[in-house]
C-alpha atoms as a PDB file:
ATOM      1  CA  MET A   1       0.000   0.000   0.000  1.00  0.00           C
ATOM      2  CA  LYS A   2       1.204   3.530  -0.776  1.00  0.00           C
ATOM      3  CA  LEU A   3       0.991   4.291   2.959  1.00  0.00           C
ATOM      4  CA  TRP A   4       4.413   2.706   3.459  1.00  0.00           C
ATOM      5  CA  LYS A   5       5.848   2.650  -0.072  1.00  0.00           C
ATOM      6  CA  GLU A   6       5.660   6.387  -0.645  1.00  0.00           C
ATOM      7  CA  LYS A   7       5.456   7.598   2.947  1.00  0.00           C
ATOM      8  CA  THR A   8       2.023   9.151   3.062  1.00  0.00           C
ATOM      9  CA  ASN A   9      -0.826   8.538   5.473  1.00  0.00           C
ATOM     10  CA  LEU A  10      -2.969  11.326   4.093  1.00  0.00           C
ATOM     11  CA  CYS A  11      -6.458  10.639   2.738  1.00  0.00           C
ATOM     12  CA  PHE A  12      -7.916  13.566   0.809  1.00  0.00           C
ATOM     13  CA  SER A  13     -11.676  14.039   1.097  1.00  0.00           C
ATOM     14  CA  VAL A  14     -12.504  15.750  -2.192  1.00  0.00           C
ATOM     15  CA  ASP A  15     -15.996  17.021  -1.292  1.00  0.00           C
ATOM     16  CA  LEU A  16     -16.576  19.061  -4.445  1.00  0.00           C
ATOM     17  CA  ILE A  17     -19.878  19.194  -6.309  1.00  0.00           C
ATOM     18  CA  TYR A  18     -18.751  19.249  -9.960  1.00  0.00           C
ATOM     19  CA  SER A  19     -16.892  16.475 -11.768  1.00  0.00           C
ATOM     20  CA  LYS A  20     -14.378  18.717 -13.527  1.00  0.00           C
ATOM     21  CA  GLU A  21     -13.260  20.354 -10.280  1.00  0.00           C
ATOM     22  CA  LEU A  22     -13.144  17.006  -8.488  1.00  0.00           C
ATOM     23  CA  LEU A  23     -11.030  15.329 -11.156  1.00  0.00           C
ATOM     24  CA  ASN A  24      -8.715  18.300 -11.533  1.00  0.00           C
ATOM     25  CA  LEU A  25      -7.956  18.497  -7.822  1.00  0.00           C
ATOM     26  CA  ALA A  26      -7.629  14.710  -7.536  1.00  0.00           C
ATOM     27  CA  ASN A  27      -4.945  14.873 -10.212  1.00  0.00           C
ATOM     28  CA  ILE A  28      -3.099  17.720  -8.486  1.00  0.00           C
ATOM     29  CA  ILE A  29      -3.188  16.229  -4.979  1.00  0.00           C
ATOM     30  CA  GLY A  30      -2.896  12.587  -6.104  1.00  0.00           C
ATOM     31  CA  PRO A  31       0.901  12.250  -5.786  1.00  0.00           C
ATOM     32  CA  TYR A  32       0.757  13.099  -2.077  1.00  0.00           C
ATOM     33  CA  ILE A  33      -2.025  10.846  -0.809  1.00  0.00           C
ATOM     34  CA  CYS A  34      -2.606   7.171  -0.153  1.00  0.00           C
ATOM     35  CA  CYS A  35      -6.364   7.431  -0.564  1.00  0.00           C
ATOM     36  CA  LEU A  36      -8.992   9.717  -2.105  1.00  0.00           C
ATOM     37  CA  LYS A  37     -12.381   9.883  -0.356  1.00  0.00           C
ATOM     38  CA  THR A  38     -15.444  10.730  -2.411  1.00  0.00           C
ATOM     39  CA  HIS A  39     -19.119  11.478  -1.848  1.00  0.00           C
ATOM     40  CA  SER A  40     -20.420  10.659  -5.307  1.00  0.00           C
ATOM     41  CA  ASP A  41     -23.987  11.587  -4.400  1.00  0.00           C
ATOM     42  CA  ILE A  42     -23.076  15.252  -3.812  1.00  0.00           C
ATOM     43  CA  VAL A  43     -21.611  15.646  -7.317  1.00  0.00           C
ATOM     44  CA  LYS A  44     -24.245  17.365  -9.452  1.00  0.00           C
ATOM     45  CA  ASP A  45     -22.964  16.043 -12.786  1.00  0.00           C
ATOM     46  CA  TRP A  46     -21.601  12.628 -11.798  1.00  0.00           C
ATOM     47  CA  THR A  47     -21.589  10.194 -14.734  1.00  0.00           C
ATOM     48  CA  LYS A  48     -19.982   6.907 -15.654  1.00  0.00           C
ATOM     49  CA  ASN A  49     -17.230   8.968 -17.279  1.00  0.00           C
ATOM     50  CA  THR A  50     -16.489  10.659 -13.936  1.00  0.00           C
ATOM     51  CA  ALA A  51     -15.853   7.250 -12.393  1.00  0.00           C
ATOM     52  CA  GLU A  52     -13.730   6.098 -15.328  1.00  0.00           C
ATOM     53  CA  GLU A  53     -11.556   9.213 -15.236  1.00  0.00           C
ATOM     54  CA  LEU A  54     -11.179   8.926 -11.468  1.00  0.00           C
ATOM     55  CA  ILE A  55      -9.937   5.359 -11.863  1.00  0.00           C
ATOM     56  CA  LYS A  56      -7.354   6.539 -14.419  1.00  0.00           C
ATOM     57  CA  ILE A  57      -6.108   9.239 -12.045  1.00  0.00           C
ATOM     58  CA  SER A  58      -5.928   6.783  -9.136  1.00  0.00           C
ATOM     59  CA  LYS A  59      -3.800   4.389 -11.176  1.00  0.00           C
ATOM     60  CA  LYS A  60      -1.583   7.217 -12.410  1.00  0.00           C
ATOM     61  CA  HIS A  61      -0.808   8.381  -8.877  1.00  0.00           C
ATOM     62  CA  ASN A  62      -1.186   5.035  -7.096  1.00  0.00           C
ATOM     63  CA  PHE A  63      -3.901   5.860  -4.567  1.00  0.00           C
ATOM     64  CA  LEU A  64      -7.067   4.026  -3.525  1.00  0.00           C
ATOM     65  CA  ILE A  65     -10.603   5.353  -4.045  1.00  0.00           C
ATOM     66  CA  PHE A  66     -12.787   5.378  -0.940  1.00  0.00           C
ATOM     67  CA  GLU A  67     -16.496   6.082  -1.443  1.00  0.00           C
ATOM     68  CA  ASP A  68     -17.862   7.425   1.838  1.00  0.00           C
ATOM     69  CA  ARG A  69     -21.386   6.044   1.357  1.00  0.00           C
ATOM     70  CA  LYS A  70     -21.885   4.965   4.997  1.00  0.00           C
ATOM     71  CA  PHE A  71     -24.180   2.030   4.203  1.00  0.00           C
ATOM     72  CA  ALA A  72     -26.619   1.313   7.023  1.00  0.00           C
ATOM     73  CA  ASP A  73     -29.266  -1.163   5.887  1.00  0.00           C
ATOM     74  CA  ILE A  74     -29.972  -4.897   5.743  1.00  0.00           C
ATOM     75  CA  GLY A  75     -27.789  -7.110   3.570  1.00  0.00           C
ATOM     76  CA  ASN A  76     -30.191  -7.505   0.671  1.00  0.00           C
ATOM     77  CA  THR A  77     -30.671  -3.743   0.365  1.00  0.00           C
ATOM     78  CA  VAL A  78     -27.006  -2.771   0.556  1.00  0.00           C
ATOM     79  CA  ILE A  79     -26.170  -5.222  -2.229  1.00  0.00           C
ATOM     80  CA  LYS A  80     -28.431  -3.212  -4.538  1.00  0.00           C
ATOM     81  CA  GLN A  81     -27.287   0.156  -3.191  1.00  0.00           C
ATOM     82  CA  CYS A  82     -23.646  -0.757  -3.748  1.00  0.00           C
ATOM     83  CA  ARG A  83     -23.806  -2.703  -7.013  1.00  0.00           C
ATOM     84  CA  ASP A  84     -26.787  -1.247  -8.841  1.00  0.00           C
ATOM     85  CA  GLY A  85     -28.495   2.108  -9.188  1.00  0.00           C
ATOM     86  CA  TYR A  86     -27.139   5.305 -10.686  1.00  0.00           C
ATOM     87  CA  PHE A  87     -23.698   5.319  -9.053  1.00  0.00           C
ATOM     88  CA  SER A  88     -22.764   1.607  -9.348  1.00  0.00           C
ATOM     89  CA  ILE A  89     -20.242   2.079  -6.536  1.00  0.00           C
ATOM     90  CA  SER A  90     -18.810  -1.435  -6.692  1.00  0.00           C
ATOM     91  CA  SER A  91     -17.590  -0.813 -10.256  1.00  0.00           C
ATOM     92  CA  TRP A  92     -15.097   1.902  -9.293  1.00  0.00           C
ATOM     93  CA  ALA A  93     -14.491   2.121  -5.515  1.00  0.00           C
ATOM     94  CA  ASN A  94     -11.675   0.211  -3.809  1.00  0.00           C
ATOM     95  CA  ILE A  95     -12.939   0.970  -0.303  1.00  0.00           C
ATOM     96  CA  ILE A  96     -16.404   1.501   1.151  1.00  0.00           C
ATOM     97  CA  ASN A  97     -17.683   2.010   4.693  1.00  0.00           C
ATOM     98  CA  ALA A  98     -20.721   1.018   6.701  1.00  0.00           C
ATOM     99  CA  HIS A  99     -22.447   1.421  10.039  1.00  0.00           C
ATOM    100  CA  PRO A 100     -22.463  -1.969  11.823  1.00  0.00           C
ATOM    101  CA  LEU A 101     -25.803  -1.053  13.419  1.00  0.00           C
ATOM    102  CA  PRO A 102     -27.885  -3.518  11.303  1.00  0.00           C
ATOM    103  CA  GLY A 103     -25.663  -6.444  12.321  1.00  0.00           C
ATOM    104  CA  PRO A 104     -23.297  -8.744  10.402  1.00  0.00           C
ATOM    105  CA  GLY A 105     -25.737  -9.103   7.492  1.00  0.00           C
ATOM    106  CA  ILE A 106     -24.585  -5.727   6.200  1.00  0.00           C
ATOM    107  CA  ILE A 107     -21.006  -7.025   5.982  1.00  0.00           C
ATOM    108  CA  ASN A 108     -22.052 -10.160   4.148  1.00  0.00           C
ATOM    109  CA  GLY A 109     -24.168  -8.143   1.726  1.00  0.00           C
ATOM    110  CA  LEU A 110     -21.430  -5.655   0.898  1.00  0.00           C
ATOM    111  CA  LYS A 111     -18.905  -8.440   0.514  1.00  0.00           C
ATOM    112  CA  GLU A 112     -21.177 -10.028  -2.076  1.00  0.00           C
ATOM    113  CA  ALA A 113     -21.570  -6.733  -3.923  1.00  0.00           C
ATOM    114  CA  MET A 114     -17.912  -5.666  -4.011  1.00  0.00           C
ATOM    115  CA  PRO A 115     -15.008  -7.142  -6.046  1.00  0.00           C
ATOM    116  CA  ASN A 116     -12.572  -9.506  -4.328  1.00  0.00           C
ATOM    117  CA  ASN A 117      -9.765  -6.950  -4.104  1.00  0.00           C
ATOM    118  CA  SER A 118     -11.851  -4.358  -2.228  1.00  0.00           C
ATOM    119  CA  GLY A 119     -12.231  -3.663   1.477  1.00  0.00           C
ATOM    120  CA  LEU A 120     -14.703  -2.421   4.069  1.00  0.00           C
ATOM    121  CA  LEU A 121     -14.281   0.058   6.910  1.00  0.00           C
ATOM    122  CA  LEU A 122     -16.717  -0.178   9.830  1.00  0.00           C
ATOM    123  CA  ILE A 123     -17.712   3.075  11.508  1.00  0.00           C
ATOM    124  CA  ALA A 124     -16.911   2.749  15.202  1.00  0.00           C
ATOM    125  CA  ASN A 125     -17.518   6.391  16.110  1.00  0.00           C
ATOM    126  CA  MET A 126     -17.711   9.855  14.566  1.00  0.00           C
ATOM    127  CA  SER A 127     -16.338  13.336  15.183  1.00  0.00           C
ATOM    128  CA  SER A 128     -19.594  15.291  15.528  1.00  0.00           C
ATOM    129  CA  ASN A 129     -21.050  16.764  18.709  1.00  0.00           C
ATOM    130  CA  ASP A 130     -23.526  14.739  20.800  1.00  0.00           C
ATOM    131  CA  ASN A 131     -23.352  11.646  18.602  1.00  0.00           C
ATOM    132  CA  LEU A 132     -24.842   8.403  19.944  1.00  0.00           C
ATOM    133  CA  PHE A 133     -21.727   6.231  19.702  1.00  0.00           C
ATOM    134  CA  ASN A 134     -20.280   4.842  22.941  1.00  0.00           C
ATOM    135  CA  GLN A 135     -17.595   2.431  24.115  1.00  0.00           C
ATOM    136  CA  ILE A 136     -19.904  -0.582  24.118  1.00  0.00           C
ATOM    137  CA  TYR A 137     -20.838   0.117  20.502  1.00  0.00           C
ATOM    138  CA  ALA A 138     -17.150   0.398  19.560  1.00  0.00           C
ATOM    139  CA  GLU A 139     -16.333  -2.907  21.253  1.00  0.00           C
ATOM    140  CA  LYS A 140     -19.158  -4.684  19.434  1.00  0.00           C
ATOM    141  CA  THR A 141     -17.952  -3.155  16.173  1.00  0.00           C
ATOM    142  CA  LEU A 142     -14.463  -4.519  16.812  1.00  0.00           C
ATOM    143  CA  ASN A 143     -15.801  -7.985  17.624  1.00  0.00           C
ATOM    144  CA  MET A 144     -17.870  -7.982  14.437  1.00  0.00           C
ATOM    145  CA  ALA A 145     -14.824  -7.005  12.386  1.00  0.00           C
ATOM    146  CA  LEU A 146     -12.708  -9.788  13.877  1.00  0.00           C
ATOM    147  CA  LYS A 147     -15.163 -12.314  12.440  1.00  0.00           C
ATOM    148  CA  HIS A 148     -14.767 -10.869   8.921  1.00  0.00           C
ATOM    149  CA  THR A 149     -11.049 -10.193   8.561  1.00  0.00           C
ATOM    150  CA  ASP A 150     -11.132 -11.248   4.909  1.00  0.00           C
ATOM    151  CA  PHE A 151     -13.125  -8.106   4.062  1.00  0.00           C
ATOM    152  CA  VAL A 152     -13.134  -5.673   7.005  1.00  0.00           C
ATOM    153  CA  PHE A 153      -9.640  -4.180   7.085  1.00  0.00           C
ATOM    154  CA  GLY A 154     -10.188  -1.247   9.412  1.00  0.00           C
ATOM    155  CA  PHE A 155     -12.367   1.352  11.073  1.00  0.00           C
ATOM    156  CA  ILE A 156     -13.515   4.928  10.863  1.00  0.00           C
ATOM    157  CA  SER A 157     -12.721   6.047  14.380  1.00  0.00           C
ATOM    158  CA  GLN A 158     -11.401   8.914  16.478  1.00  0.00           C
ATOM    159  CA  ASN A 159      -9.094   6.565  18.365  1.00  0.00           C
ATOM    160  CA  ARG A 160      -7.578   3.102  18.206  1.00  0.00           C
ATOM    161  CA  LEU A 161      -9.959   0.378  19.376  1.00  0.00           C
ATOM    162  CA  ARG A 162      -7.206  -1.774  20.869  1.00  0.00           C
ATOM    163  CA  ASP A 163      -4.197  -0.915  22.986  1.00  0.00           C
ATOM    164  CA  LEU A 164      -1.158   0.067  20.946  1.00  0.00           C
ATOM    165  CA  SER A 165       0.842  -2.692  22.635  1.00  0.00           C
ATOM    166  CA  GLU A 166      -1.497  -5.342  21.201  1.00  0.00           C
ATOM    167  CA  PRO A 167      -1.064  -6.792  17.706  1.00  0.00           C
ATOM    168  CA  ASP A 168      -3.711  -5.220  15.504  1.00  0.00           C
ATOM    169  CA  PRO A 169      -4.322  -6.001  11.812  1.00  0.00           C
ATOM    170  CA  HIS A 170      -6.770  -3.132  11.379  1.00  0.00           C
ATOM    171  CA  ILE A 171      -6.138   0.345   9.989  1.00  0.00           C
ATOM    172  CA  ILE A 172      -7.751   3.322  11.710  1.00  0.00           C
ATOM    173  CA  MET A 173      -8.846   6.107   9.370  1.00  0.00           C
ATOM    174  CA  THR A 174      -9.829   9.323  11.094  1.00  0.00           C
ATOM    175  CA  PRO A 175     -11.873  12.322   9.908  1.00  0.00           C
ATOM    176  CA  GLY A 176     -12.151  15.591  11.790  1.00  0.00           C
ATOM    177  CA  VAL A 177      -8.476  16.558  11.493  1.00  0.00           C
ATOM    178  CA  SER A 178      -7.316  20.150  11.069  1.00  0.00           C
ATOM    179  CA  LEU A 179      -4.310  22.371  11.705  1.00  0.00           C
ATOM    180  CA  GLU A 180      -6.427  25.498  12.126  1.00  0.00           C
ATOM    181  CA  ASN A 181      -9.946  24.736  13.389  1.00  0.00           C
ATOM    182  CA  ASN A 182     -11.360  23.170  16.561  1.00  0.00           C
ATOM    183  CA  THR A 183     -14.990  23.048  15.415  1.00  0.00           C
ATOM    184  CA  ASP A 184     -17.405  24.347  12.783  1.00  0.00           C
ATOM    185  CA  THR A 185     -20.902  25.827  12.921  1.00  0.00           C
ATOM    186  CA  LEU A 186     -22.599  22.438  12.399  1.00  0.00           C
ATOM    187  CA  GLY A 187     -21.092  20.522  15.282  1.00  0.00           C
ATOM    188  CA  GLN A 188     -18.012  19.040  13.648  1.00  0.00           C
ATOM    189  CA  ASN A 189     -15.050  18.669  16.023  1.00  0.00           C
ATOM    190  CA  TYR A 190     -11.438  18.738  14.890  1.00  0.00           C
ATOM    191  CA  ASN A 191      -8.238  17.314  16.334  1.00  0.00           C
ATOM    192  CA  SER A 192      -4.691  18.147  15.311  1.00  0.00           C
ATOM    193  CA  PRO A 193      -2.754  15.754  13.028  1.00  0.00           C
ATOM    194  CA  ASN A 194      -0.183  15.053  15.749  1.00  0.00           C
ATOM    195  CA  ASP A 195      -2.840  14.302  18.345  1.00  0.00           C
ATOM    196  CA  ILE A 196      -4.685  11.876  16.041  1.00  0.00           C
ATOM    197  CA  ILE A 197      -1.572   9.912  15.102  1.00  0.00           C
ATOM    198  CA  THR A 198       0.618   9.956  18.219  1.00  0.00           C
ATOM    199  CA  LYS A 199      -1.862  10.185  21.116  1.00  0.00           C
ATOM    200  CA  ARG A 200      -4.936   8.461  19.712  1.00  0.00           C
ATOM    201  CA  GLY A 201      -3.067   5.773  17.773  1.00  0.00           C
ATOM    202  CA  CYS A 202      -4.785   6.325  14.419  1.00  0.00           C
ATOM    203  CA  ASP A 203      -3.048   5.539  11.127  1.00  0.00           C
ATOM    204  CA  ILE A 204      -4.546   7.628   8.327  1.00  0.00           C
ATOM    205  CA  ALA A 205      -5.968  11.143   8.654  1.00  0.00           C
ATOM    206  CA  ILE A 206      -8.829  12.225   6.398  1.00  0.00           C
ATOM    207  CA  ILE A 207      -8.486  15.884   5.420  1.00  0.00           C
ATOM    208  CA  GLY A 208     -11.096  17.722   3.361  1.00  0.00           C
ATOM    209  CA  ARG A 209     -11.715  21.414   3.904  1.00  0.00           C
ATOM    210  CA  GLY A 210      -8.189  21.953   5.199  1.00  0.00           C
ATOM    211  CA  ILE A 211      -7.020  21.245   1.648  1.00  0.00           C
ATOM    212  CA  TYR A 212      -9.739  22.112  -0.866  1.00  0.00           C
ATOM    213  CA  GLU A 213     -10.803  25.335   0.892  1.00  0.00           C
ATOM    214  CA  SER A 214      -7.251  26.602   1.318  1.00  0.00           C
ATOM    215  CA  ASP A 215      -5.758  29.295  -0.906  1.00  0.00           C
ATOM    216  CA  ASN A 216      -3.198  26.775  -2.150  1.00  0.00           C
ATOM    217  CA  PRO A 217      -4.556  23.191  -1.993  1.00  0.00           C
ATOM    218  CA  LEU A 218      -1.326  21.628  -3.251  1.00  0.00           C
ATOM    219  CA  GLU A 219       0.789  23.405  -0.650  1.00  0.00           C
ATOM    220  CA  SER A 220      -1.675  22.448   2.086  1.00  0.00           C
ATOM    221  CA  ALA A 221      -1.684  18.796   1.038  1.00  0.00           C
ATOM    222  CA  GLN A 222       2.109  18.701   1.070  1.00  0.00           C
ATOM    223  CA  LYS A 223       2.139  20.269   4.525  1.00  0.00           C
ATOM    224  CA  TYR A 224      -0.393  17.813   5.940  1.00  0.00           C
ATOM    225  CA  ARG A 225       1.446  14.874   4.388  1.00  0.00           C
ATOM    226  CA  LYS A 226       4.757  15.891   5.978  1.00  0.00           C
ATOM    227  CA  ILE A 227       3.276  16.473   9.443  1.00  0.00           C
ATOM    228  CA  LEU A 228       1.208  13.276   9.413  1.00  0.00           C
ATOM    229  CA  TRP A 229       4.034  11.028   8.263  1.00  0.00           C
ATOM    230  CA  SER A 230       6.473  12.528  10.776  1.00  0.00           C
ATOM    231  CA  ALA A 231       3.956  11.861  13.538  1.00  0.00           C
ATOM    232  CA  TYR A 232       3.472   8.288  12.289  1.00  0.00           C
ATOM    233  CA  GLU A 233       7.199   7.601  12.265  1.00  0.00           C
ATOM    234  CA  ALA A 234       7.544   9.092  15.755  1.00  0.00           C
ATOM    235  CA  ARG A 235       4.801   6.795  17.067  1.00  0.00           C
ATOM    236  CA  LEU A 236       6.391   3.712  15.529  1.00  0.00           C
ATOM    237  CA  LYS A 237       9.677   4.527  17.246  1.00  0.00           C
END
């Protein structure tokens, strides 16, 4: 994975609403990330061509495509949501995520819908104010993942679910990371890159607005990449 090969644990959340802008920025930031996170359903002019061009860019720069769909339904329904419909997510995404709330059927359904070389992240908690996640929920999420290690490779979480001293095959990907902000007007909370990696034991930081809303997205991505990887190396030592 590019995470180790090219020394980047930055995932760019390209939350733009037009295909041309999305693809252009993906191409600019692509060399500095290990993963690109999309919300295809917010893109006003998303087409099959958007997906095809995104795949080309991902191969050019060697990053994975993560569609942040947050599936949360029974197995039979998520198969159709993932494989069929307008977006046909399983045809272009390498990574998807899901709430484990419906039970293990959602994992089995998504596994059936996705190609063999893809992976699933389970959402153990989130970064918004007054959310309903708790420690018991996180522990049940971990236990569910341990029964599906052939498909579930990690978690969306604000902290590691196991002690750092324990062997852990899972990757922790963490949103709500910023160098400048602590919160926004809609209840989103932010932590610093160093805090997420060194203190909370997470592996990959997901950065969106800190890059695409900056005056110089490329410069911001390079800055985040350097800080995040330095923190990761410091933790490993």
